[in-house]
Amino acid sequence: MIKNIPNKMSDRHLIEFINGVCPRKIDFLYLRMDFTNGCNVGYAFVNFIRVEDLLHFAKTKLGTKWNLFSSEKVLGMSYANCAGKEALIDKFRSSSIMDQREAWRPKLFYSHGPKKGLPEDFPAPTHMRRKERAGLLPSELHQGRALFHQPSASVSGARAG
């Protein structure tokens, strides 16, 4: 997990920043967004393809100022509870976040071969009921609306997947 990201940074900018140190060395990125103000919330789930790439990025950037967007923030990193490309795919593929605008969704990149590091399509959801529930408010779940509710942008925008 990369932390203390300047709030005005987009996922595209973050990918460019990472590629400046480790070109085409990540296979997953999700920059968590605040749906109300359109800014990120300061952290991103990032999966480096090889441990050596992660270590190189950390040695190069950990503890340094971002020097972007007039931010004084210092780049931080930590291990996330959910790690590895497959685990991250499973965590997000059936999430209501996949119904948000494209720029706010998790991004996949090829892990191997000639397309390594290039964008890859996200797999289809596997748990539609979980996805439907993710778009509900707790009060709606208790009222039995989980089977018939179509998530709206305002409801699903209230929390991340």
Protein backbone atom coordinates (compact mmCIF):
# COMPACT_ATOMS: atom_id res chain seq x y z
CA MET A 1 0.00 0.00 0.00
CA ILE A 2 1.31 3.44 -0.91
CA LYS A 3 0.27 6.11 1.59
CA ASN A 4 0.27 9.88 1.97
CA ILE A 5 -0.58 10.40 -1.70
CA PRO A 6 -1.38 14.02 -2.62
CA ASN A 7 -5.17 14.27 -2.75
CA LYS A 8 -5.26 15.88 -6.19
CA MET A 9 -3.29 13.00 -7.77
CA SER A 10 -5.24 10.80 -10.19
CA ASP A 11 -4.68 7.11 -10.82
CA ARG A 12 -3.11 8.03 -14.18
CA HIS A 13 -0.62 10.35 -12.43
CA LEU A 14 0.17 7.69 -9.84
CA ILE A 15 0.82 5.08 -12.53
CA GLU A 16 3.14 7.53 -14.32
CA PHE A 17 4.92 8.24 -11.01
CA ILE A 18 5.46 4.54 -10.30
CA ASN A 19 6.51 3.87 -13.91
CA GLY A 20 9.13 6.61 -13.56
CA VAL A 21 10.90 4.39 -11.02
CA CYS A 22 9.77 0.89 -12.02
CA PRO A 23 8.41 0.93 -15.58
CA ARG A 24 5.67 -1.66 -16.20
CA LYS A 25 6.38 -3.46 -12.91
CA ILE A 26 2.91 -3.39 -11.33
CA ASP A 27 -0.06 -5.62 -12.10
CA PHE A 28 -2.72 -3.99 -9.86
CA LEU A 29 -3.49 -0.46 -8.71
CA TYR A 30 -6.48 0.96 -6.87
CA LEU A 31 -6.32 4.58 -5.79
CA ARG A 32 -9.15 5.00 -3.28
CA MET A 33 -11.36 7.99 -4.13
CA ASP A 34 -13.73 10.25 -2.20
CA PHE A 35 -16.80 10.18 -4.44
CA THR A 36 -18.12 13.44 -3.00
CA ASN A 37 -15.22 15.72 -3.86
CA GLY A 38 -13.51 13.64 -6.58
CA CYS A 39 -10.16 13.60 -4.80
CA ASN A 40 -8.27 10.55 -3.63
CA VAL A 41 -8.20 9.76 0.09
CA GLY A 42 -4.42 9.46 0.30
CA TYR A 43 -3.65 5.79 -0.22
CA ALA A 44 -3.57 3.17 -2.96
CA PHE A 45 -3.39 -0.59 -3.15
CA VAL A 46 -0.49 -1.41 -5.47
CA ASN A 47 0.81 -4.86 -6.34
CA PHE A 48 4.33 -5.03 -7.76
CA ILE A 49 4.97 -8.02 -9.99
CA ARG A 50 8.23 -8.97 -8.27
CA VAL A 51 9.46 -8.35 -4.75
CA GLU A 52 12.66 -6.87 -6.21
CA ASP A 53 10.58 -4.19 -7.95
CA LEU A 54 8.77 -3.34 -4.72
CA LEU A 55 12.09 -3.06 -2.89
CA HIS A 56 13.58 -0.88 -5.63
CA PHE A 57 10.57 1.47 -5.51
CA ALA A 58 10.71 1.60 -1.69
CA LYS A 59 14.47 2.31 -1.64
CA THR A 60 14.02 5.05 -4.23
CA LYS A 61 10.89 6.83 -2.97
CA LEU A 62 9.98 5.80 0.60
CA GLY A 63 10.32 8.78 2.95
CA THR A 64 10.70 11.36 0.17
CA LYS A 65 8.40 14.30 -0.51
CA TRP A 66 6.09 13.91 -3.46
CA ASN A 67 6.86 17.44 -4.73
CA LEU A 68 3.63 17.38 -6.71
CA PHE A 69 0.40 19.39 -6.51
CA SER A 70 1.92 21.78 -3.94
CA SER A 71 1.88 18.94 -1.43
CA GLU A 72 4.27 18.62 1.49
CA LYS A 73 3.31 14.97 2.01
CA VAL A 74 6.01 12.34 2.37
CA LEU A 75 5.53 9.02 0.58
CA GLY A 76 4.80 6.16 2.95
CA MET A 77 4.30 2.46 2.39
CA SER A 78 2.86 -0.44 4.35
CA TYR A 79 1.67 -3.96 3.79
CA ALA A 80 -2.05 -4.25 3.14
CA ASN A 81 -4.32 -6.91 4.66
CA CYS A 82 -5.12 -8.12 1.17
CA ALA A 83 -2.07 -8.73 -1.03
CA GLY A 84 -1.31 -10.37 -4.35
CA LYS A 85 -2.98 -9.85 -7.71
CA GLU A 86 -5.46 -12.73 -7.44
CA ALA A 87 -6.53 -11.80 -3.91
CA LEU A 88 -7.02 -8.17 -4.95
CA ILE A 89 -9.06 -9.22 -7.99
CA ASP A 90 -11.26 -11.37 -5.75
CA LYS A 91 -11.69 -8.50 -3.30
CA PHE A 92 -12.79 -5.95 -5.91
CA ARG A 93 -14.35 -7.80 -8.86
CA SER A 94 -17.78 -8.10 -7.22
CA SER A 95 -17.58 -4.74 -5.47
CA SER A 96 -19.88 -1.82 -6.19
CA ILE A 97 -16.74 0.22 -6.92
CA MET A 98 -16.78 -1.45 -10.35
CA ASP A 99 -19.97 0.53 -11.10
CA GLN A 100 -18.23 3.86 -10.50
CA ARG A 101 -16.58 5.91 -13.21
CA GLU A 102 -13.71 4.19 -14.99
CA ALA A 103 -11.02 6.47 -13.54
CA TRP A 104 -12.05 5.51 -9.99
CA ARG A 105 -12.04 1.73 -10.49
CA PRO A 106 -9.18 -0.64 -9.69
CA LYS A 107 -6.78 -1.18 -12.60
CA LEU A 108 -5.23 -4.44 -13.75
CA PHE A 109 -2.05 -4.86 -15.77
CA TYR A 110 -0.58 -7.95 -17.39
CA SER A 111 1.92 -9.75 -15.16
CA HIS A 112 3.86 -11.64 -17.85
CA GLY A 113 4.69 -11.79 -21.53
CA PRO A 114 5.01 -9.05 -24.13
CA LYS A 115 2.08 -7.10 -22.62
CA LYS A 116 3.63 -7.10 -19.12
CA GLY A 117 2.67 -3.88 -17.35
CA LEU A 118 0.07 -2.88 -19.93
CA PRO A 119 -3.65 -2.52 -19.05
CA GLU A 120 -5.65 -5.74 -18.74
CA ASP A 121 -9.45 -6.06 -18.57
CA PHE A 122 -10.89 -6.66 -15.11
CA PRO A 123 -12.72 -10.01 -14.81
CA ALA A 124 -16.50 -10.03 -14.54
CA PRO A 125 -18.10 -10.19 -11.08
CA THR A 126 -18.59 -13.62 -9.54
CA HIS A 127 -20.93 -12.74 -6.65
CA MET A 128 -23.82 -10.64 -7.93
CA ARG A 129 -25.68 -10.80 -4.61
CA ARG A 130 -22.59 -9.50 -2.79
CA LYS A 131 -22.31 -6.75 -5.38
CA GLU A 132 -25.97 -5.83 -4.92
CA ARG A 133 -25.59 -5.76 -1.14
CA ALA A 134 -22.46 -3.62 -1.40
CA GLY A 135 -24.57 -0.86 -2.93
CA LEU A 136 -27.08 -0.80 -0.07
CA LEU A 137 -27.19 1.19 3.09
CA PRO A 138 -27.37 -0.92 6.28
CA SER A 139 -30.98 0.21 6.86
CA GLU A 140 -31.96 -1.11 3.40
CA LEU A 141 -30.43 -4.50 4.18
CA HIS A 142 -32.56 -4.77 7.32
CA GLN A 143 -35.67 -3.86 5.35
CA GLY A 144 -35.18 -6.82 3.00
CA ARG A 145 -34.38 -4.81 -0.13
CA ALA A 146 -31.17 -6.68 -0.92
CA LEU A 147 -32.71 -8.91 -3.61
CA PHE A 148 -34.45 -6.18 -5.58
CA HIS A 149 -32.29 -3.08 -5.20
CA GLN A 150 -30.32 -1.63 -8.10
CA PRO A 151 -27.41 0.38 -6.63
CA SER A 152 -27.41 4.04 -7.54
CA ALA A 153 -24.34 6.22 -7.83
CA SER A 154 -25.26 8.13 -4.68
CA VAL A 155 -25.68 5.00 -2.56
CA SER A 156 -22.72 3.04 -3.88
CA GLY A 157 -20.64 6.19 -3.75
CA ALA A 158 -21.05 6.24 0.01
CA ARG A 159 -18.40 3.62 0.58
CA ALA A 160 -15.64 1.72 -1.18
CA GLY A 161 -15.76 -1.86 -2.41
